[in-house]
Amino acid sequence: MKRHESISDLNSTEKKTVKLYSFHRSTASFRVRIALHFKGIPFDTNAVHLLRGDGEQRAEAYRRLNPQQLLPTLVDGENVLTQSLAICEYLEETHPSPALLPAGAAPRARVRGLATALAADIHPLHTIRVTRHLADAFDIGENERLAWTRHWIHDGLNAIEEQLSSSPATGIYSHGDSITFADVFLVPQVLSAKAYGVDLEHLPHITRITTRCLQHPAFDAALPVNQPDAA
């Protein structure tokens, strides 16, 4: 059971376990939650509601913690870490077992490449701050905004599907028969795609891998609906 704290707890001086600043619907936070659960690392959830008011990520207390005003932020003792890929790398280095990176330079590079494509090339184009700016700066309506979002998610996942289908390294999961960063980053993006109404019927490898991952307890525990701030 993960304790739910709020943005107001930022100024607390009480010593705590690993603390994750998260929003249940945040795709980037979702990735880190999966990694934490997969590695069995206890953590407290501090809710930062991206849609309440102007967004709780804009609060001064949170801005001091994370000047980018983005999620997630992980606090481990004196270490304040931002960016989901960097956080997952940190967790892999500090808690190497069970591993989320395969052995060998080339396999690790492949996994990191897939994860980065999901985190850096697909996800940023449908974040709240980007789509809000589109609407505000260019007077784009809801239908146009959704069309933009669906286009870039569809385009990005098509490329991921091609990489998975063309590589002999693809197995039960995105790389071989063990869960890696590639899967940790894939599943949140796929569920986000479904929420936006993106057609995934023509992506058999992505669909199969996602279905398999969601049978794992770490992925289930990290689902948005299972977070303390989802109520």
Protein backbone atom coordinates (compact mmCIF):
# COMPACT_ATOMS: atom_id res chain seq x y z
CA MET A 1 0.00 0.00 0.00
CA LYS A 2 1.44 3.31 -1.06
CA ARG A 3 0.71 6.32 1.14
CA HIS A 4 -0.88 9.24 -0.65
CA GLU A 5 0.46 12.69 0.13
CA SER A 6 -0.39 15.98 -1.51
CA ILE A 7 1.47 18.98 -2.87
CA SER A 8 1.15 20.57 0.56
CA ASP A 9 3.60 18.00 1.97
CA LEU A 10 6.51 19.50 0.02
CA ASN A 11 7.67 21.54 2.98
CA SER A 12 7.62 18.63 5.44
CA THR A 13 10.96 17.90 7.11
CA GLU A 14 9.96 14.42 8.28
CA LYS A 15 12.34 11.74 7.00
CA LYS A 16 10.54 9.48 4.52
CA THR A 17 11.21 6.64 2.12
CA VAL A 18 11.62 7.19 -1.61
CA LYS A 19 9.08 9.79 -2.67
CA LEU A 20 7.51 10.02 -6.12
CA TYR A 21 5.80 13.20 -7.23
CA SER A 22 3.23 11.87 -9.64
CA PHE A 23 -0.15 12.36 -11.31
CA HIS A 24 -2.14 9.21 -11.90
CA ARG A 25 -2.78 10.07 -15.57
CA SER A 26 0.80 11.16 -16.29
CA THR A 27 2.38 8.80 -18.82
CA ALA A 28 5.88 9.66 -17.61
CA SER A 29 4.94 9.03 -13.98
CA PHE A 30 3.37 5.72 -15.03
CA ARG A 31 6.75 4.53 -16.38
CA VAL A 32 8.54 5.24 -13.12
CA ARG A 33 5.80 3.59 -11.07
CA ILE A 34 6.23 0.42 -13.12
CA ALA A 35 9.98 0.42 -12.53
CA LEU A 36 9.57 1.00 -8.79
CA HIS A 37 7.04 -1.81 -8.44
CA PHE A 38 9.06 -4.15 -10.67
CA LYS A 39 12.14 -3.67 -8.51
CA GLY A 40 10.15 -3.87 -5.27
CA ILE A 41 11.19 -0.42 -4.07
CA PRO A 42 8.82 1.02 -1.43
CA PHE A 43 7.75 4.58 -2.18
CA ASP A 44 5.32 7.27 -1.13
CA THR A 45 3.17 8.97 -3.73
CA ASN A 46 2.90 12.75 -3.62
CA ALA A 47 0.07 13.83 -5.88
CA VAL A 48 0.64 16.79 -8.19
CA HIS A 49 -2.60 17.38 -10.07
CA LEU A 50 -1.81 18.64 -13.56
CA LEU A 51 -5.36 19.75 -14.30
CA ARG A 52 -6.46 21.37 -11.04
CA GLY A 53 -6.60 25.14 -11.40
CA ASP A 54 -3.60 26.27 -13.45
CA GLY A 55 -1.89 22.98 -12.57
CA GLU A 56 -0.33 22.17 -9.23
CA GLN A 57 3.01 21.67 -10.99
CA ARG A 58 3.12 25.48 -11.25
CA ALA A 59 3.06 25.94 -7.48
CA GLU A 60 6.16 27.70 -6.16
CA ALA A 61 7.02 24.86 -3.79
CA TYR A 62 7.04 22.35 -6.63
CA ARG A 63 8.87 24.71 -8.99
CA ARG A 64 11.71 24.89 -6.48
CA LEU A 65 11.88 21.10 -6.50
CA ASN A 66 11.61 20.76 -10.29
CA PRO A 67 12.23 24.00 -12.21
CA GLN A 68 10.81 22.42 -15.39
CA GLN A 69 7.50 22.02 -13.56
CA LEU A 70 7.08 18.57 -15.07
CA LEU A 71 6.35 15.11 -13.70
CA PRO A 72 7.66 12.88 -12.36
CA THR A 73 10.15 13.90 -9.70
CA LEU A 74 11.77 11.25 -7.52
CA VAL A 75 13.29 12.14 -4.17
CA ASP A 76 15.62 9.55 -2.67
CA GLY A 77 17.28 10.97 0.41
CA GLU A 78 19.19 14.05 -0.74
CA ASN A 79 18.87 13.10 -4.40
CA VAL A 80 16.21 14.94 -6.37
CA LEU A 81 15.81 13.35 -9.79
CA THR A 82 13.80 14.43 -12.82
CA GLN A 83 12.99 12.99 -16.26
CA SER A 84 11.56 9.48 -16.36
CA LEU A 85 14.35 7.90 -18.39
CA ALA A 86 17.04 9.28 -16.08
CA ILE A 87 15.05 8.16 -13.03
CA CYS A 88 14.68 4.64 -14.42
CA GLU A 89 18.41 4.51 -15.17
CA TYR A 90 19.09 5.61 -11.59
CA LEU A 91 16.83 2.87 -10.24
CA GLU A 92 18.61 0.32 -12.43
CA GLU A 93 21.99 1.39 -11.12
CA THR A 94 20.99 1.57 -7.47
CA HIS A 95 18.77 -1.55 -7.54
CA PRO A 96 20.24 -3.72 -10.31
CA SER A 97 18.10 -6.77 -9.54
CA PRO A 98 15.71 -7.58 -11.04
CA ALA A 99 17.27 -5.99 -14.09
CA LEU A 100 15.45 -3.85 -16.63
CA LEU A 101 18.39 -3.72 -19.02
CA PRO A 102 19.78 -6.78 -20.83
CA ALA A 103 23.42 -7.78 -20.81
CA GLY A 104 25.67 -6.47 -23.56
CA ALA A 105 26.26 -3.08 -25.14
CA ALA A 106 24.24 -3.67 -28.31
CA PRO A 107 21.15 -5.12 -26.59
CA ARG A 108 21.20 -2.29 -24.05
CA ALA A 109 21.45 0.27 -26.83
CA ARG A 110 18.46 -1.31 -28.61
CA VAL A 111 16.34 -1.21 -25.46
CA ARG A 112 17.37 2.36 -24.70
CA GLY A 113 16.61 3.34 -28.30
CA LEU A 114 13.07 1.98 -28.09
CA ALA A 115 12.49 3.61 -24.72
CA THR A 116 13.83 6.95 -25.90
CA ALA A 117 11.68 6.90 -29.04
CA LEU A 118 8.62 6.45 -26.84
CA ALA A 119 9.64 9.02 -24.25
CA ALA A 120 11.23 11.70 -26.42
CA ASP A 121 9.68 11.39 -29.88
CA ILE A 122 6.07 10.34 -29.27
CA HIS A 123 5.04 11.39 -25.79
CA PRO A 124 6.07 15.10 -25.85
CA LEU A 125 3.80 15.82 -28.82
CA HIS A 126 0.64 15.10 -26.84
CA THR A 127 1.51 16.45 -23.41
CA ILE A 128 -0.86 18.90 -21.75
CA ARG A 129 1.47 21.87 -22.13
CA VAL A 130 1.98 21.26 -25.86
CA THR A 131 -1.67 20.71 -26.75
CA ARG A 132 -2.75 23.68 -24.63
CA HIS A 133 -0.25 25.89 -26.42
CA LEU A 134 -1.57 24.70 -29.77
CA ALA A 135 -5.09 25.61 -28.74
CA ASP A 136 -4.16 28.98 -27.22
CA ALA A 137 -1.55 30.22 -29.69
CA PHE A 138 -3.08 28.98 -32.92
CA ASP A 139 -6.79 28.92 -32.08
CA ILE A 140 -7.00 25.18 -32.72
CA GLY A 141 -10.28 23.57 -31.74
CA GLU A 142 -10.79 20.30 -29.91
CA ASN A 143 -11.23 18.23 -33.06
CA GLU A 144 -8.05 19.60 -34.62
CA ARG A 145 -6.14 19.08 -31.38
CA LEU A 146 -7.23 15.45 -31.21
CA ALA A 147 -6.33 14.93 -34.87
CA TRP A 148 -2.83 16.31 -34.15
CA THR A 149 -2.43 14.04 -31.13
CA ARG A 150 -3.65 10.92 -32.91
CA HIS A 151 -1.42 11.58 -35.91
CA TRP A 152 1.81 11.75 -33.92
CA ILE A 153 0.98 8.82 -31.65
CA HIS A 154 -0.02 6.72 -34.66
CA ASP A 155 3.08 7.75 -36.61
CA GLY A 156 5.40 6.97 -33.69
CA LEU A 157 3.88 3.62 -32.79
CA ASN A 158 3.96 2.53 -36.43
CA ALA A 159 7.73 3.01 -36.36
CA ILE A 160 8.04 1.09 -33.08
CA GLU A 161 5.97 -1.75 -34.55
CA GLU A 162 8.27 -1.91 -37.56
CA GLN A 163 11.33 -2.07 -35.31
CA LEU A 164 9.78 -4.87 -33.27
CA SER A 165 8.61 -6.87 -36.27
CA SER A 166 11.90 -6.62 -38.16
CA SER A 167 14.29 -7.54 -35.35
CA PRO A 168 15.18 -11.09 -34.30
CA ALA A 169 15.86 -9.64 -30.83
CA THR A 170 12.11 -9.22 -30.25
CA GLY A 171 10.72 -12.06 -28.15
CA ILE A 172 7.89 -12.46 -25.69
CA TYR A 173 8.62 -8.85 -24.78
CA SER A 174 10.14 -5.97 -26.73
CA HIS A 175 13.61 -7.43 -26.23
CA GLY A 176 13.87 -11.13 -25.67
CA ASP A 177 11.83 -12.91 -23.04
CA SER A 178 12.42 -10.57 -20.11
CA ILE A 179 10.82 -7.23 -19.27
CA THR A 180 13.04 -4.24 -20.05
CA PHE A 181 12.86 -0.46 -20.16
CA ALA A 182 11.37 -0.83 -23.64
CA ASP A 183 8.26 -2.47 -22.15
CA VAL A 184 8.15 -0.10 -19.18
CA PHE A 185 7.93 2.81 -21.63
CA LEU A 186 5.75 1.07 -24.23
CA VAL A 187 2.77 0.14 -22.08
CA PRO A 188 1.97 3.65 -20.76
CA GLN A 189 2.20 5.03 -24.30
CA VAL A 190 -0.13 2.34 -25.64
CA LEU A 191 -2.71 2.98 -22.92
CA SER A 192 -2.46 6.70 -23.65
CA ALA A 193 -3.00 5.96 -27.34
CA LYS A 194 -6.14 4.00 -26.51
CA ALA A 195 -7.41 6.87 -24.37
CA TYR A 196 -7.02 9.17 -27.38
CA GLY A 197 -8.86 6.75 -29.65
CA VAL A 198 -5.85 5.74 -31.75
CA ASP A 199 -6.44 2.62 -33.85
CA LEU A 200 -4.00 -0.09 -32.75
CA GLU A 201 -5.48 -3.03 -34.66
CA HIS A 202 -2.63 -3.05 -37.19
CA LEU A 203 0.09 -3.21 -34.51
CA PRO A 204 0.20 -6.92 -33.58
CA HIS A 205 3.58 -6.95 -31.81
CA ILE A 206 2.77 -3.89 -29.72
CA THR A 207 -0.66 -5.28 -28.85
CA ARG A 208 0.71 -8.70 -27.91
CA ILE A 209 3.53 -7.31 -25.78
CA THR A 210 1.23 -4.87 -23.99
CA THR A 211 -1.27 -7.60 -23.18
CA ARG A 212 1.52 -9.77 -21.78
CA CYS A 213 2.99 -6.95 -19.69
CA LEU A 214 -0.35 -6.07 -18.15
CA GLN A 215 -0.48 -9.57 -16.68
CA HIS A 216 2.57 -8.71 -14.55
CA PRO A 217 1.81 -7.40 -11.03
CA ALA A 218 4.17 -4.42 -11.41
CA PHE A 219 2.28 -3.09 -14.41
CA ASP A 220 -1.09 -3.67 -12.76
CA ALA A 221 -0.03 -1.88 -9.57
CA ALA A 222 1.20 1.09 -11.62
CA LEU A 223 -2.02 1.54 -13.63
CA PRO A 224 -3.58 5.02 -13.36
CA VAL A 225 -6.81 3.61 -11.92
CA ASN A 226 -4.86 1.98 -9.08
CA GLN A 227 -3.20 5.16 -7.84
CA PRO A 228 -4.22 6.86 -4.59
CA ASP A 229 -4.96 10.15 -6.39
CA ALA A 230 -7.25 8.50 -8.95
CA ALA A 231 -10.26 8.64 -6.65
